[in-house]
């Protein structure tokens, strides 16, 4: 797959032959459009991002929907939690106007019509692309199994399955994913605070393996030369998140990091000339 990984998914292999790292759009082109909306995903495709990353939760009707926050306060000014509403209700809630108000220089009137999409809608949009699709399970102790199961059932027969990577900070979700859908790639997500628990970065690889992850997805502050070298030795591909600093393109190349998740894919793509 990526540098230091196993050659299992030829679509990603062909992409990685072009150049490294792959530039992955974080919640779509979230610098220029409201995150996790169809508008942001369309923009990511239009600017030529190599792949996409987004967050998935379960609506109250059991449908996987694409949203990061557990509630709608930040993106819709509403107090409800995503899990309290049906996918049809979420499809009527404006989650784009906040972006226009916060970033007037990048505002687009049509963003006010953006609502919470379903996972099925987002995947439909990416049928014509060839790059990796990172699906982050946003869950806690109470709902990771239903979410992982629902996502696996939805993507099971997708022709895009070979280029999907299901990931989560809730590492217990990974064995559930592998049980229901053993052929899909999985990634263990780690944020900086993990160091207060593990003390040493090298234990990250051991923990990811213990939960059965194929890859690791690291906050950029964790992606040191030593750790990425150890990951390469372990044949465990590395993705970093989330940076808009073009300097990280060179760092990724030097450290054999296969993919970089960014809010501003067009700026990062420009680093390649």
Protein backbone atom coordinates (compact mmCIF):
# COMPACT_ATOMS: atom_id res chain seq x y z
CA UNK A 1 0.00 0.00 0.00
CA UNK A 2 1.92 3.03 1.18
CA UNK A 3 5.67 3.02 1.82
CA UNK A 4 6.55 0.24 4.19
CA UNK A 5 3.16 -1.44 3.77
CA UNK A 6 1.91 -4.60 2.16
CA UNK A 7 0.81 -4.61 -1.47
CA UNK A 8 -2.85 -5.49 -1.01
CA UNK A 9 -4.83 -2.71 -2.72
CA UNK A 10 -3.60 -1.94 -6.23
CA UNK A 11 -5.53 1.31 -6.59
CA UNK A 12 -3.52 2.82 -3.73
CA UNK A 13 -0.32 1.32 -5.03
CA UNK A 14 -0.82 2.98 -8.40
CA UNK A 15 -1.51 6.29 -6.66
CA UNK A 16 1.59 6.03 -4.51
CA UNK A 17 3.75 5.52 -7.60
CA UNK A 18 2.90 9.05 -8.70
CA UNK A 19 4.31 10.80 -5.66
CA UNK A 20 4.26 10.80 -1.90
CA UNK A 21 2.59 11.74 0.28
CA UNK A 22 -0.96 11.39 -0.95
CA UNK A 23 -2.93 14.54 -0.10
CA UNK A 24 -6.15 13.65 1.72
CA UNK A 25 -8.94 16.21 2.11
CA UNK A 26 -9.96 16.50 5.78
CA UNK A 27 -13.76 16.49 5.94
CA UNK A 28 -13.58 17.49 2.28
CA UNK A 29 -12.03 20.79 1.24
CA UNK A 30 -12.93 22.16 4.65
CA UNK A 31 -10.83 25.30 4.25
CA UNK A 32 -13.04 26.54 1.43
CA UNK A 33 -16.41 24.96 2.25
CA UNK A 34 -18.33 23.82 5.34
CA UNK A 35 -16.81 20.58 6.63
CA UNK A 36 -18.41 17.19 5.99
CA UNK A 37 -20.88 18.57 3.46
CA UNK A 38 -21.39 17.54 -0.14
CA UNK A 39 -20.10 20.98 -1.15
CA UNK A 40 -16.80 20.34 0.63
CA UNK A 41 -16.48 16.89 -0.90
CA UNK A 42 -17.18 18.18 -4.40
CA UNK A 43 -14.54 20.89 -3.95
CA UNK A 44 -12.01 18.30 -2.82
CA UNK A 45 -12.61 16.36 -6.01
CA UNK A 46 -12.43 19.51 -8.13
CA UNK A 47 -9.06 20.60 -6.71
CA UNK A 48 -7.59 17.16 -7.34
CA UNK A 49 -7.08 15.86 -3.79
CA UNK A 50 -5.77 12.30 -3.85
CA UNK A 51 -8.35 11.09 -1.36
CA UNK A 52 -10.82 12.10 1.30
CA UNK A 53 -11.37 11.66 5.03
CA UNK A 54 -14.60 12.17 6.94
CA UNK A 55 -16.44 11.28 10.15
CA UNK A 56 -19.39 8.94 10.51
CA UNK A 57 -21.99 8.57 13.25
CA UNK A 58 -25.31 6.75 13.52
CA UNK A 59 -28.51 8.72 13.22
CA UNK A 60 -31.40 7.59 15.43
CA UNK A 61 -32.82 5.49 12.57
CA UNK A 62 -29.61 3.48 12.33
CA UNK A 63 -28.39 5.19 9.15
CA UNK A 64 -24.68 6.17 9.07
CA UNK A 65 -24.40 9.94 8.54
CA UNK A 66 -21.36 12.15 8.02
CA UNK A 67 -20.75 14.55 10.92
CA UNK A 68 -17.85 15.25 13.27
CA UNK A 69 -19.32 16.80 16.42
CA UNK A 70 -21.60 14.72 18.61
CA UNK A 71 -24.03 17.63 18.78
CA UNK A 72 -25.15 20.33 16.34
CA UNK A 73 -24.20 23.41 18.37
CA UNK A 74 -21.18 24.50 16.35
CA UNK A 75 -22.42 23.75 12.83
CA UNK A 76 -26.16 24.40 13.18
CA UNK A 77 -26.67 26.35 16.41
CA UNK A 78 -28.88 23.58 17.76
CA UNK A 79 -28.61 21.59 20.98
CA UNK A 80 -29.61 18.15 19.66
CA UNK A 81 -27.12 15.34 19.36
CA UNK A 82 -26.67 13.72 15.98
CA UNK A 83 -27.75 10.37 17.42
CA UNK A 84 -31.06 11.87 18.59
CA UNK A 85 -32.28 12.73 15.09
CA UNK A 86 -33.16 10.61 12.08
CA UNK A 87 -31.18 10.84 8.88
CA UNK A 88 -34.19 12.51 7.24
CA UNK A 89 -34.32 15.16 9.97
CA UNK A 90 -30.60 15.77 9.65
CA UNK A 91 -31.02 16.16 5.90
CA UNK A 92 -33.17 19.26 6.58
CA UNK A 93 -30.79 21.03 8.99
CA UNK A 94 -28.56 23.84 7.73
CA UNK A 95 -24.93 23.04 8.56
CA UNK A 96 -23.40 25.49 6.11
CA UNK A 97 -24.43 28.99 7.19
CA UNK A 98 -22.01 28.91 10.15
CA UNK A 99 -19.14 28.71 7.67
CA UNK A 100 -20.31 31.81 5.79
CA UNK A 101 -20.62 33.74 9.06
CA UNK A 102 -17.21 32.65 10.36
CA UNK A 103 -15.32 33.01 7.07
CA UNK A 104 -16.99 35.82 5.09
CA UNK A 105 -14.12 36.00 2.59
CA UNK A 106 -14.84 32.39 1.60
CA UNK A 107 -18.61 32.57 1.93
CA UNK A 108 -20.85 31.17 -0.78
CA UNK A 109 -24.60 31.74 -0.60
CA UNK A 110 -25.34 28.15 -1.62
CA UNK A 111 -23.59 26.83 1.47
CA UNK A 112 -26.67 27.81 3.46
CA UNK A 113 -28.43 24.89 1.76
CA UNK A 114 -25.90 22.28 2.88
CA UNK A 115 -27.23 19.65 5.28
CA UNK A 116 -25.88 16.53 7.00
CA UNK A 117 -25.30 13.90 4.30
CA UNK A 118 -25.52 10.16 4.70
CA UNK A 119 -22.49 7.94 4.24
CA UNK A 120 -24.22 6.45 1.21
CA UNK A 121 -24.52 9.90 -0.42
CA UNK A 122 -20.86 10.70 0.13
CA UNK A 123 -19.68 7.38 -1.24
CA UNK A 124 -21.89 7.86 -4.29
CA UNK A 125 -20.09 11.13 -4.95
CA UNK A 126 -16.72 9.35 -4.90
CA UNK A 127 -17.64 6.54 -7.29
CA UNK A 128 -15.85 8.27 -10.15
CA UNK A 129 -12.61 8.77 -8.20
CA UNK A 130 -9.76 6.32 -7.59
CA UNK A 131 -8.08 7.48 -4.37
CA UNK A 132 -8.31 6.32 -0.76
CA UNK A 133 -11.39 6.96 1.34
CA UNK A 134 -10.80 7.25 5.09
CA UNK A 135 -13.93 6.61 7.15
CA UNK A 136 -13.56 7.66 10.78
CA UNK A 137 -15.97 6.08 13.24
CA UNK A 138 -17.02 8.76 15.77
CA UNK A 139 -18.19 6.74 18.72
CA UNK A 140 -17.84 5.99 22.43
CA UNK A 141 -18.12 2.96 24.70
CA UNK A 142 -21.88 2.77 24.29
CA UNK A 143 -22.25 2.80 20.51
CA UNK A 144 -19.07 1.67 18.76
CA UNK A 145 -20.40 -1.80 17.98
CA UNK A 146 -23.67 -0.67 16.31
CA UNK A 147 -21.81 2.00 14.35
CA UNK A 148 -19.04 -0.33 13.18
CA UNK A 149 -21.59 -2.97 12.23
CA UNK A 150 -23.78 -0.54 10.27
CA UNK A 151 -20.83 0.91 8.36
CA UNK A 152 -19.52 -2.55 7.49
CA UNK A 153 -22.92 -3.62 6.19
CA UNK A 154 -23.21 -0.51 4.04
CA UNK A 155 -19.76 -0.77 2.43
CA UNK A 156 -19.57 -4.57 2.24
CA UNK A 157 -20.52 -4.88 -1.43
CA UNK A 158 -19.08 -1.57 -2.60
CA UNK A 159 -16.70 -1.72 -5.56
CA UNK A 160 -14.75 0.97 -3.70
CA UNK A 161 -14.06 -1.30 -0.72
CA UNK A 162 -10.41 -1.99 -1.71
CA UNK A 163 -9.59 1.70 -1.27
CA UNK A 164 -11.47 2.29 1.97
CA UNK A 165 -9.74 2.58 5.34
CA UNK A 166 -11.97 2.44 8.42
CA UNK A 167 -10.38 4.12 11.42
CA UNK A 168 -11.19 5.24 14.93
CA UNK A 169 -9.78 6.65 18.16
CA UNK A 170 -11.97 4.05 19.83
CA UNK A 171 -9.58 1.18 19.21
CA UNK A 172 -12.11 -1.40 20.40
CA UNK A 173 -14.08 -0.65 17.24
CA UNK A 174 -11.32 -2.11 15.07
CA UNK A 175 -11.82 -5.76 16.07
CA UNK A 176 -15.55 -5.30 15.45
CA UNK A 177 -14.85 -4.00 11.97
CA UNK A 178 -12.46 -6.84 11.22
CA UNK A 179 -14.97 -9.40 12.51
CA UNK A 180 -17.74 -8.13 10.25
CA UNK A 181 -15.60 -7.20 7.26
CA UNK A 182 -12.13 -8.82 7.44
CA UNK A 183 -11.13 -7.67 3.95
CA UNK A 184 -11.33 -3.93 4.69
CA UNK A 185 -8.26 -1.97 5.78
CA UNK A 186 -8.34 -0.48 9.28
CA UNK A 187 -6.33 2.23 11.00
CA UNK A 188 -5.76 3.07 14.65
CA UNK A 189 -6.01 6.79 15.40
CA UNK A 190 -3.73 8.44 17.95
CA UNK A 191 -3.76 11.97 19.33
CA UNK A 192 -0.92 13.69 21.25
CA UNK A 193 -2.35 12.83 24.67
CA UNK A 194 -1.60 9.15 24.06
CA UNK A 195 1.97 9.85 25.19
CA UNK A 196 0.76 10.52 28.74
CA UNK A 197 -0.58 6.96 28.75
CA UNK A 198 2.05 5.05 26.81
CA UNK A 199 5.09 7.17 27.75
CA UNK A 200 7.02 6.00 24.70
CA UNK A 201 6.01 6.51 21.09
CA UNK A 202 7.10 3.05 19.99
CA UNK A 203 4.31 1.53 22.07
CA UNK A 204 1.85 3.09 19.61
CA UNK A 205 2.72 0.45 17.03
CA UNK A 206 2.33 -2.35 19.57
CA UNK A 207 -1.08 -1.05 20.65
CA UNK A 208 -2.29 -0.70 17.07
CA UNK A 209 -1.24 -4.27 16.35
CA UNK A 210 -2.87 -5.54 19.52
CA UNK A 211 -6.23 -4.24 18.30
CA UNK A 212 -5.66 -5.64 14.81
CA UNK A 213 -5.15 -2.40 12.88
CA UNK A 214 -3.43 -2.53 9.50
CA UNK A 215 -2.28 1.11 9.63
CA UNK A 216 -1.72 3.96 12.06
CA UNK A 217 -3.03 7.48 11.75
CA UNK A 218 -1.01 9.92 13.83
CA UNK A 219 -1.29 13.54 14.86
CA UNK A 220 1.63 15.21 13.11
CA UNK A 221 3.34 15.91 16.46
CA UNK A 222 3.68 12.16 17.01
CA UNK A 223 5.20 11.39 13.60
CA UNK A 224 8.86 11.59 14.56
CA UNK A 225 11.60 10.14 12.32
CA UNK A 226 12.18 7.34 14.86
CA UNK A 227 8.53 6.31 15.11
CA UNK A 228 7.93 6.40 11.36
CA UNK A 229 11.07 4.32 10.83
CA UNK A 230 9.77 1.75 13.32
CA UNK A 231 6.40 1.75 11.55
CA UNK A 232 8.12 1.09 8.23
CA UNK A 233 10.01 -1.83 9.77
CA UNK A 234 6.70 -3.18 11.06
CA UNK A 235 5.19 -2.75 7.57
CA UNK A 236 2.52 -0.53 9.08
CA UNK A 237 1.58 2.39 6.78
CA UNK A 238 1.42 5.84 8.39
CA UNK A 239 -0.99 8.69 7.73
CA UNK A 240 -0.65 12.01 9.55
CA UNK A 241 -3.36 14.48 10.51
CA UNK A 242 -4.25 17.35 10.32
CA UNK A 243 -1.80 19.89 8.93
CA UNK A 244 -1.98 22.76 6.46
CA UNK A 245 1.76 23.47 6.67
CA UNK A 246 3.43 22.71 3.30
CA UNK A 247 6.67 21.88 5.13
CA UNK A 248 5.06 18.61 6.10
CA UNK A 249 5.05 17.45 2.48
CA UNK A 250 8.85 17.29 2.55
CA UNK A 251 8.87 15.77 6.03
CA UNK A 252 6.50 13.04 4.86
CA UNK A 253 8.76 12.26 1.93
CA UNK A 254 11.80 12.02 4.19
CA UNK A 255 9.98 9.85 6.74
CA UNK A 256 8.19 7.54 4.26
CA UNK A 257 4.78 8.77 5.41
CA UNK A 258 2.29 7.67 2.79
CA UNK A 259 -0.55 10.14 3.28
CA UNK A 260 -1.18 13.58 4.76
CA UNK A 261 -4.62 14.76 5.86
CA UNK A 262 -5.21 18.49 5.38
CA UNK A 263 -8.00 21.07 5.52
CA UNK A 264 -6.57 22.86 2.49
CA UNK A 265 -5.74 20.24 -0.16
CA UNK A 266 -5.19 22.75 -2.97
CA UNK A 267 -2.43 24.50 -1.01
CA UNK A 268 -0.73 21.23 -0.16
CA UNK A 269 -1.08 19.94 -3.73
CA UNK A 270 0.64 23.10 -4.89
CA UNK A 271 3.77 22.04 -3.03
CA UNK A 272 4.38 19.47 -5.76
CA UNK A 273 4.43 22.16 -8.46
